[in-house]
């Protein structure tokens, strides 16, 4: 899961998918990162922590990190929140295999529409919307990939 600073959207996505992995008894690994190094080492934004907690998910132990080229070798699927994240991650891809792993997360809900998950950092009211979008997308990720992985 990748967003800009790894404190709002991608920690929520990691937390939601982690819970779905547990409840579906899947042997998957999920992590999150940011394309920028603005918040490396910091915990998620308190508003992300609060909205996750409201839905029974604890993301308070996560710490922000920056996406790296090595992530292409560690992960089978790299889900980004918006087109800017997509461009920044694909720019680091060293081959077509790496590039093919990068997907817009909302494409699982709205294929071909390239819907972005809005960054709620400047909008306190946006965190519930982001949670709802990511929850729906994570359901689809499980549906699409459960038989394959």
N, C-alpha and C. Protein backbone atom coordinates (compact mmCIF):
# COMPACT_ATOMS: atom_id res chain seq x y z
N UNK A 1 0.85 -1.17 0.00
CA UNK A 1 0.00 0.00 0.00
C UNK A 1 0.90 1.24 0.00
N UNK A 2 0.70 2.13 -0.94
CA UNK A 2 1.59 3.28 -1.08
C UNK A 2 0.78 4.56 -1.27
N UNK A 3 1.14 5.58 -0.47
CA UNK A 3 0.61 6.94 -0.67
C UNK A 3 1.79 7.90 -0.63
N UNK A 4 1.54 9.15 -0.39
CA UNK A 4 2.61 10.15 -0.41
C UNK A 4 3.50 10.09 0.83
N UNK A 5 2.92 10.27 2.00
CA UNK A 5 3.72 10.37 3.22
C UNK A 5 3.66 9.16 4.13
N UNK A 6 2.78 8.20 3.82
CA UNK A 6 2.61 6.99 4.62
C UNK A 6 2.14 7.30 6.03
N UNK A 7 1.23 8.29 6.15
CA UNK A 7 0.65 8.56 7.47
C UNK A 7 -0.89 8.61 7.45
N UNK A 8 -1.51 8.73 6.28
CA UNK A 8 -2.98 8.82 6.24
C UNK A 8 -3.60 7.64 5.50
N UNK A 9 -3.46 7.60 4.19
CA UNK A 9 -4.17 6.61 3.38
C UNK A 9 -3.56 5.22 3.45
N UNK A 10 -2.27 5.11 3.18
CA UNK A 10 -1.67 3.76 3.12
C UNK A 10 -1.66 3.04 4.47
N UNK A 11 -1.51 3.73 5.61
CA UNK A 11 -1.64 3.00 6.88
C UNK A 11 -3.06 2.45 7.08
N UNK A 12 -4.07 3.22 6.67
CA UNK A 12 -5.44 2.71 6.74
C UNK A 12 -5.61 1.49 5.85
N UNK A 13 -5.09 1.58 4.63
CA UNK A 13 -5.20 0.46 3.70
C UNK A 13 -4.49 -0.77 4.26
N UNK A 14 -3.31 -0.58 4.83
CA UNK A 14 -2.58 -1.69 5.44
C UNK A 14 -3.39 -2.30 6.58
N UNK A 15 -3.94 -1.47 7.43
CA UNK A 15 -4.72 -1.96 8.56
C UNK A 15 -5.97 -2.71 8.13
N UNK A 16 -6.68 -2.16 7.16
CA UNK A 16 -7.90 -2.80 6.67
C UNK A 16 -7.57 -4.15 6.04
N UNK A 17 -6.58 -4.17 5.15
CA UNK A 17 -6.25 -5.42 4.48
C UNK A 17 -5.69 -6.44 5.47
N UNK A 18 -4.93 -5.99 6.45
CA UNK A 18 -4.41 -6.91 7.48
C UNK A 18 -5.54 -7.60 8.21
N UNK A 19 -6.57 -6.85 8.57
CA UNK A 19 -7.73 -7.43 9.26
C UNK A 19 -8.45 -8.43 8.36
N UNK A 20 -8.59 -8.10 7.08
CA UNK A 20 -9.26 -8.99 6.14
C UNK A 20 -8.43 -10.26 5.91
N UNK A 21 -7.13 -10.12 5.90
CA UNK A 21 -6.23 -11.28 5.76
C UNK A 21 -6.44 -12.23 6.94
N UNK A 22 -6.47 -11.66 8.15
CA UNK A 22 -6.69 -12.48 9.35
C UNK A 22 -8.04 -13.18 9.30
N UNK A 23 -9.08 -12.44 8.99
CA UNK A 23 -10.43 -13.02 9.03
C UNK A 23 -10.64 -14.05 7.92
N UNK A 24 -9.86 -13.99 6.86
CA UNK A 24 -9.96 -14.96 5.77
C UNK A 24 -8.89 -16.07 5.87
N UNK A 25 -8.12 -16.04 6.96
CA UNK A 25 -7.06 -17.04 7.17
C UNK A 25 -6.12 -17.17 5.97
N UNK A 26 -5.69 -16.03 5.46
CA UNK A 26 -4.78 -16.00 4.32
C UNK A 26 -3.34 -15.86 4.79
N UNK A 27 -2.44 -16.45 4.07
CA UNK A 27 -1.01 -16.35 4.38
C UNK A 27 -0.39 -15.28 3.49
N UNK A 28 -0.80 -14.05 3.73
CA UNK A 28 -0.33 -12.90 2.95
C UNK A 28 0.42 -11.96 3.86
N UNK A 29 1.32 -11.22 3.28
CA UNK A 29 2.04 -10.16 3.98
C UNK A 29 1.60 -8.83 3.39
N UNK A 30 1.31 -7.87 4.26
CA UNK A 30 0.93 -6.54 3.80
C UNK A 30 1.76 -5.51 4.54
N UNK A 31 2.11 -4.44 3.85
CA UNK A 31 2.90 -3.37 4.43
C UNK A 31 2.48 -2.08 3.72
N UNK A 32 2.96 -0.97 4.23
CA UNK A 32 2.67 0.30 3.57
C UNK A 32 3.92 1.15 3.55
N UNK A 33 3.92 2.11 2.63
CA UNK A 33 5.06 3.01 2.47
C UNK A 33 4.58 4.29 1.80
N UNK A 34 5.45 5.28 1.82
CA UNK A 34 5.17 6.54 1.15
C UNK A 34 6.18 6.78 0.05
N UNK A 35 5.79 7.54 -0.96
CA UNK A 35 6.73 7.86 -2.01
C UNK A 35 7.73 8.92 -1.53
N UNK A 36 7.33 9.70 -0.54
CA UNK A 36 8.21 10.72 0.03
C UNK A 36 8.72 10.29 1.39
N UNK A 37 9.78 10.93 1.82
CA UNK A 37 10.40 10.60 3.11
C UNK A 37 10.01 11.59 4.20
N UNK A 38 8.92 12.30 4.00
CA UNK A 38 8.52 13.38 4.90
C UNK A 38 8.29 12.95 6.34
N UNK A 39 7.78 11.74 6.54
CA UNK A 39 7.35 11.32 7.88
C UNK A 39 8.01 10.02 8.34
N UNK A 40 9.12 9.65 7.74
CA UNK A 40 9.77 8.37 8.07
C UNK A 40 9.94 8.24 9.58
N UNK A 41 9.50 7.10 10.10
CA UNK A 41 9.61 6.81 11.52
C UNK A 41 8.43 7.27 12.36
N UNK A 42 7.57 8.09 11.79
CA UNK A 42 6.42 8.60 12.54
C UNK A 42 5.25 7.62 12.50
N UNK A 43 4.42 7.69 13.52
CA UNK A 43 3.20 6.88 13.52
C UNK A 43 2.18 7.51 12.59
N UNK A 44 1.13 6.77 12.23
CA UNK A 44 0.11 7.35 11.36
C UNK A 44 -0.53 8.59 11.97
N UNK A 45 -1.08 9.41 11.10
CA UNK A 45 -1.81 10.61 11.51
C UNK A 45 -2.86 10.21 12.55
N UNK A 46 -3.00 10.99 13.63
CA UNK A 46 -3.98 10.66 14.67
C UNK A 46 -5.40 10.48 14.14
N UNK A 47 -5.74 11.17 13.07
CA UNK A 47 -7.08 11.04 12.49
C UNK A 47 -7.25 9.68 11.80
N UNK A 48 -6.17 9.16 11.20
CA UNK A 48 -6.22 7.81 10.62
C UNK A 48 -6.31 6.77 11.72
N UNK A 49 -5.54 6.99 12.78
CA UNK A 49 -5.59 6.07 13.92
C UNK A 49 -7.00 6.03 14.50
N UNK A 50 -7.62 7.22 14.63
CA UNK A 50 -8.97 7.32 15.22
C UNK A 50 -10.02 6.66 14.34
N UNK A 51 -9.98 6.87 13.02
CA UNK A 51 -11.00 6.28 12.16
C UNK A 51 -10.82 4.76 12.10
N UNK A 52 -9.59 4.30 12.11
CA UNK A 52 -9.35 2.85 12.14
C UNK A 52 -9.89 2.27 13.45
N UNK A 53 -9.58 2.93 14.56
CA UNK A 53 -10.04 2.47 15.88
C UNK A 53 -11.58 2.42 15.94
N UNK A 54 -12.21 3.42 15.35
CA UNK A 54 -13.68 3.47 15.30
C UNK A 54 -14.24 2.19 14.65
N UNK A 55 -13.46 1.61 13.74
CA UNK A 55 -13.89 0.41 13.02
C UNK A 55 -13.20 -0.86 13.55
N UNK A 56 -12.62 -0.76 14.75
CA UNK A 56 -12.04 -1.94 15.39
C UNK A 56 -10.68 -2.35 14.88
N UNK A 57 -9.95 -1.44 14.28
CA UNK A 57 -8.63 -1.74 13.72
C UNK A 57 -7.59 -0.87 14.42
N UNK A 58 -6.51 -1.48 14.88
CA UNK A 58 -5.44 -0.75 15.55
C UNK A 58 -4.25 -0.59 14.61
N UNK A 59 -3.98 0.63 14.18
CA UNK A 59 -2.83 0.90 13.31
C UNK A 59 -1.76 1.72 14.03
N UNK A 60 -1.91 1.87 15.34
CA UNK A 60 -1.02 2.76 16.10
C UNK A 60 0.43 2.28 16.16
N UNK A 61 0.67 1.00 15.89
CA UNK A 61 2.06 0.51 15.96
C UNK A 61 2.80 0.66 14.63
N UNK A 62 2.09 1.05 13.58
CA UNK A 62 2.75 1.26 12.28
C UNK A 62 3.68 2.47 12.35
N UNK A 63 4.72 2.43 11.55
CA UNK A 63 5.63 3.57 11.43
C UNK A 63 5.89 3.83 9.95
N UNK A 64 5.90 5.09 9.59
CA UNK A 64 6.07 5.48 8.19
C UNK A 64 7.46 5.11 7.69
N UNK A 65 7.48 4.69 6.44
CA UNK A 65 8.74 4.41 5.75
C UNK A 65 8.58 4.83 4.30
N UNK A 66 9.70 4.95 3.62
CA UNK A 66 9.67 5.35 2.23
C UNK A 66 9.74 4.11 1.34
N UNK A 67 8.95 4.12 0.27
CA UNK A 67 8.99 3.04 -0.72
C UNK A 67 10.38 2.95 -1.30
N UNK A 68 10.85 1.73 -1.53
CA UNK A 68 12.19 1.54 -2.11
C UNK A 68 12.13 0.54 -3.26
N UNK A 69 13.16 0.54 -4.08
CA UNK A 69 13.24 -0.39 -5.21
C UNK A 69 13.16 -1.84 -4.73
N UNK A 70 13.66 -2.12 -3.54
CA UNK A 70 13.64 -3.48 -3.01
C UNK A 70 12.21 -3.99 -2.80
N UNK A 71 11.26 -3.08 -2.62
CA UNK A 71 9.87 -3.50 -2.43
C UNK A 71 9.34 -4.26 -3.65
N UNK A 72 9.87 -3.98 -4.83
CA UNK A 72 9.45 -4.71 -6.02
C UNK A 72 9.78 -6.19 -5.91
N UNK A 73 10.87 -6.52 -5.23
CA UNK A 73 11.28 -7.92 -5.08
C UNK A 73 10.59 -8.60 -3.91
N UNK A 74 10.09 -7.83 -2.96
CA UNK A 74 9.46 -8.38 -1.76
C UNK A 74 7.97 -8.64 -1.98
N UNK A 75 7.30 -7.77 -2.73
CA UNK A 75 5.84 -7.82 -2.85
C UNK A 75 5.38 -8.20 -4.25
N UNK A 76 4.29 -8.97 -4.31
CA UNK A 76 3.70 -9.40 -5.58
C UNK A 76 2.79 -8.34 -6.17
N UNK A 77 2.26 -7.48 -5.32
CA UNK A 77 1.30 -6.48 -5.73
C UNK A 77 1.59 -5.19 -4.97
N UNK A 78 1.66 -4.08 -5.69
CA UNK A 78 1.93 -2.78 -5.08
C UNK A 78 0.75 -1.88 -5.43
N UNK A 79 -0.03 -1.54 -4.41
CA UNK A 79 -1.26 -0.78 -4.61
C UNK A 79 -1.04 0.67 -4.20
N UNK A 80 -1.28 1.56 -5.13
CA UNK A 80 -1.07 2.99 -4.90
C UNK A 80 -2.41 3.70 -4.81
N UNK A 81 -2.39 4.86 -4.15
CA UNK A 81 -3.62 5.59 -3.86
C UNK A 81 -4.05 6.56 -4.95
N UNK A 82 -3.11 7.09 -5.72
CA UNK A 82 -3.47 8.07 -6.75
C UNK A 82 -2.47 8.04 -7.90
N UNK A 83 -2.76 8.81 -8.94
CA UNK A 83 -1.93 8.78 -10.14
C UNK A 83 -0.53 9.32 -9.90
N UNK A 84 -0.39 10.25 -8.99
CA UNK A 84 0.94 10.76 -8.65
C UNK A 84 1.77 9.68 -7.98
N UNK A 85 1.16 8.95 -7.04
CA UNK A 85 1.86 7.82 -6.40
C UNK A 85 2.24 6.79 -7.45
N UNK A 86 1.32 6.53 -8.37
CA UNK A 86 1.58 5.56 -9.43
C UNK A 86 2.82 5.96 -10.24
N UNK A 87 2.84 7.20 -10.69
CA UNK A 87 3.97 7.68 -11.49
C UNK A 87 5.28 7.59 -10.72
N UNK A 88 5.26 7.97 -9.44
CA UNK A 88 6.48 7.94 -8.63
C UNK A 88 6.99 6.53 -8.40
N UNK A 89 6.08 5.58 -8.19
CA UNK A 89 6.50 4.19 -7.96
C UNK A 89 6.99 3.56 -9.27
N UNK A 90 6.24 3.76 -10.35
CA UNK A 90 6.63 3.17 -11.64
C UNK A 90 7.99 3.71 -12.09
N UNK A 91 8.28 4.94 -11.75
CA UNK A 91 9.56 5.54 -12.10
C UNK A 91 10.73 4.74 -11.50
N UNK A 92 10.50 4.07 -10.38
CA UNK A 92 11.55 3.28 -9.73
C UNK A 92 11.65 1.86 -10.28
N UNK A 93 10.67 1.44 -11.06
CA UNK A 93 10.66 0.09 -11.60
C UNK A 93 11.86 -0.11 -12.53
N UNK A 94 12.51 -1.24 -12.36
CA UNK A 94 13.70 -1.53 -13.17
C UNK A 94 13.41 -2.42 -14.37
N UNK A 95 12.19 -2.98 -14.42
CA UNK A 95 11.83 -3.84 -15.54
C UNK A 95 10.31 -3.94 -15.64
N UNK A 96 9.85 -4.62 -16.68
CA UNK A 96 8.40 -4.73 -16.91
C UNK A 96 7.72 -5.53 -15.82
N UNK A 97 8.39 -6.53 -15.26
CA UNK A 97 7.81 -7.32 -14.17
C UNK A 97 7.51 -6.42 -12.97
N UNK A 98 8.47 -5.57 -12.62
CA UNK A 98 8.26 -4.63 -11.51
C UNK A 98 7.09 -3.71 -11.82
N UNK A 99 7.10 -3.16 -13.02
CA UNK A 99 6.06 -2.20 -13.40
C UNK A 99 4.67 -2.85 -13.39
N UNK A 100 4.59 -4.12 -13.77
CA UNK A 100 3.28 -4.79 -13.84
C UNK A 100 2.68 -5.05 -12.46
N UNK A 101 3.48 -4.94 -11.41
CA UNK A 101 2.99 -5.15 -10.05
C UNK A 101 2.24 -3.93 -9.50
N UNK A 102 2.42 -2.78 -10.11
CA UNK A 102 1.86 -1.52 -9.60
C UNK A 102 0.46 -1.30 -10.14
N UNK A 103 -0.49 -1.14 -9.23
CA UNK A 103 -1.89 -0.93 -9.60
C UNK A 103 -2.49 0.18 -8.75
N UNK A 104 -3.43 0.90 -9.32
CA UNK A 104 -4.23 1.85 -8.56
C UNK A 104 -5.23 1.04 -7.73
N UNK A 105 -5.27 1.23 -6.43
CA UNK A 105 -6.11 0.40 -5.57
C UNK A 105 -7.58 0.50 -5.95
N UNK A 106 -8.05 1.66 -6.34
CA UNK A 106 -9.47 1.81 -6.65
C UNK A 106 -9.84 1.19 -7.99
N UNK A 107 -8.85 0.78 -8.80
CA UNK A 107 -9.15 0.07 -10.03
C UNK A 107 -9.82 -1.28 -9.73
N UNK A 108 -9.65 -1.78 -8.50
CA UNK A 108 -10.32 -3.02 -8.13
C UNK A 108 -11.83 -2.81 -7.96
N UNK A 109 -12.23 -1.58 -7.69
CA UNK A 109 -13.65 -1.26 -7.52
C UNK A 109 -14.20 -0.61 -8.79
N UNK A 110 -13.41 0.25 -9.40
CA UNK A 110 -13.81 0.99 -10.60
C UNK A 110 -12.77 0.74 -11.70
N UNK A 111 -12.78 -0.46 -12.30
CA UNK A 111 -11.77 -0.77 -13.32
C UNK A 111 -11.76 0.26 -14.45
N UNK A 112 -10.56 0.61 -14.84
CA UNK A 112 -10.33 1.50 -15.98
C UNK A 112 -10.71 2.96 -15.74
N UNK A 113 -11.27 3.29 -14.58
CA UNK A 113 -11.66 4.68 -14.31
C UNK A 113 -10.54 5.48 -13.65
N UNK A 114 -9.53 4.80 -13.13
CA UNK A 114 -8.39 5.44 -12.48
C UNK A 114 -8.82 6.42 -11.39
N UNK A 115 -9.74 5.95 -10.54
CA UNK A 115 -10.23 6.75 -9.42
C UNK A 115 -9.13 6.83 -8.38
N UNK A 116 -8.89 8.02 -7.88
CA UNK A 116 -7.89 8.22 -6.83
C UNK A 116 -8.55 8.22 -5.46
N UNK A 117 -7.81 7.75 -4.47
CA UNK A 117 -8.23 7.89 -3.09
C UNK A 117 -7.76 9.28 -2.67
N UNK A 118 -8.67 10.18 -2.32
CA UNK A 118 -8.25 11.55 -2.00
C UNK A 118 -7.42 11.59 -0.72
N UNK A 119 -6.44 12.47 -0.72
CA UNK A 119 -5.61 12.64 0.47
C UNK A 119 -6.40 13.46 1.49
N UNK A 120 -6.73 12.88 2.65
CA UNK A 120 -7.56 13.59 3.62
C UNK A 120 -6.75 14.50 4.56
N UNK A 121 -5.45 14.62 4.33
CA UNK A 121 -4.59 15.35 5.25
C UNK A 121 -5.12 16.75 5.56
N UNK A 122 -5.64 17.45 4.56
CA UNK A 122 -6.11 18.82 4.75
C UNK A 122 -7.62 18.89 4.97
N UNK A 123 -8.27 17.73 5.15
CA UNK A 123 -9.72 17.71 5.27
C UNK A 123 -10.11 16.70 6.35
N UNK A 124 -10.33 17.18 7.54
CA UNK A 124 -10.69 16.30 8.66
C UNK A 124 -11.88 15.40 8.35
N UNK A 125 -12.82 15.90 7.57
CA UNK A 125 -14.02 15.14 7.26
C UNK A 125 -13.78 14.05 6.21
N UNK A 126 -12.61 14.05 5.59
CA UNK A 126 -12.33 13.10 4.52
C UNK A 126 -11.89 11.73 4.97
N UNK A 127 -11.57 11.56 6.25
CA UNK A 127 -11.04 10.28 6.71
C UNK A 127 -12.05 9.14 6.64
N UNK A 128 -13.32 9.42 6.93
CA UNK A 128 -14.34 8.36 6.81
C UNK A 128 -14.53 7.96 5.36
N UNK A 129 -14.55 8.92 4.46
CA UNK A 129 -14.68 8.62 3.03
C UNK A 129 -13.52 7.75 2.57
N UNK A 130 -12.31 8.10 2.97
CA UNK A 130 -11.13 7.33 2.60
C UNK A 130 -11.23 5.92 3.16
N UNK A 131 -11.64 5.80 4.42
CA UNK A 131 -11.80 4.48 5.02
C UNK A 131 -12.79 3.65 4.20
N UNK A 132 -13.94 4.22 3.88
CA UNK A 132 -14.96 3.49 3.14
C UNK A 132 -14.46 3.05 1.76
N UNK A 133 -13.74 3.93 1.08
CA UNK A 133 -13.19 3.59 -0.23
C UNK A 133 -12.21 2.44 -0.12
N UNK A 134 -11.31 2.52 0.86
CA UNK A 134 -10.28 1.50 1.02
C UNK A 134 -10.88 0.17 1.48
N UNK A 135 -11.90 0.23 2.31
CA UNK A 135 -12.57 -0.99 2.76
C UNK A 135 -13.14 -1.74 1.55
N UNK A 136 -13.84 -1.02 0.68
CA UNK A 136 -14.41 -1.63 -0.51
C UNK A 136 -13.32 -2.18 -1.43
N UNK A 137 -12.26 -1.43 -1.60
CA UNK A 137 -11.16 -1.87 -2.47
C UNK A 137 -10.48 -3.11 -1.91
N UNK A 138 -10.27 -3.15 -0.60
CA UNK A 138 -9.61 -4.31 0.01
C UNK A 138 -10.48 -5.56 -0.11
N UNK A 139 -11.80 -5.41 -0.03
CA UNK A 139 -12.69 -6.55 -0.28
C UNK A 139 -12.44 -7.11 -1.67
N UNK A 140 -12.35 -6.24 -2.64
CA UNK A 140 -12.14 -6.66 -4.03
C UNK A 140 -10.75 -7.27 -4.23
N UNK A 141 -9.75 -6.72 -3.57
CA UNK A 141 -8.40 -7.30 -3.66
C UNK A 141 -8.44 -8.75 -3.19
N UNK A 142 -9.12 -9.00 -2.08
CA UNK A 142 -9.25 -10.36 -1.56
C UNK A 142 -10.00 -11.23 -2.59
N UNK A 143 -11.12 -10.74 -3.10
CA UNK A 143 -11.92 -11.51 -4.05
C UNK A 143 -11.12 -11.88 -5.29
N UNK A 144 -10.34 -10.94 -5.80
CA UNK A 144 -9.61 -11.15 -7.04
C UNK A 144 -8.38 -12.04 -6.83
N UNK A 145 -7.69 -11.86 -5.71
CA UNK A 145 -6.39 -12.52 -5.53
C UNK A 145 -6.41 -13.73 -4.62
N UNK A 146 -7.46 -13.96 -3.88
CA UNK A 146 -7.46 -15.09 -2.94
C UNK A 146 -7.18 -16.43 -3.64
N UNK A 147 -7.82 -16.72 -4.76
CA UNK A 147 -7.53 -18.01 -5.39
C UNK A 147 -6.11 -18.08 -5.98
N UNK A 148 -5.56 -16.92 -6.35
CA UNK A 148 -4.29 -16.91 -7.08
C UNK A 148 -3.06 -16.91 -6.18
N UNK A 149 -3.17 -16.34 -5.00
CA UNK A 149 -1.97 -16.21 -4.17
C UNK A 149 -1.85 -17.29 -3.13
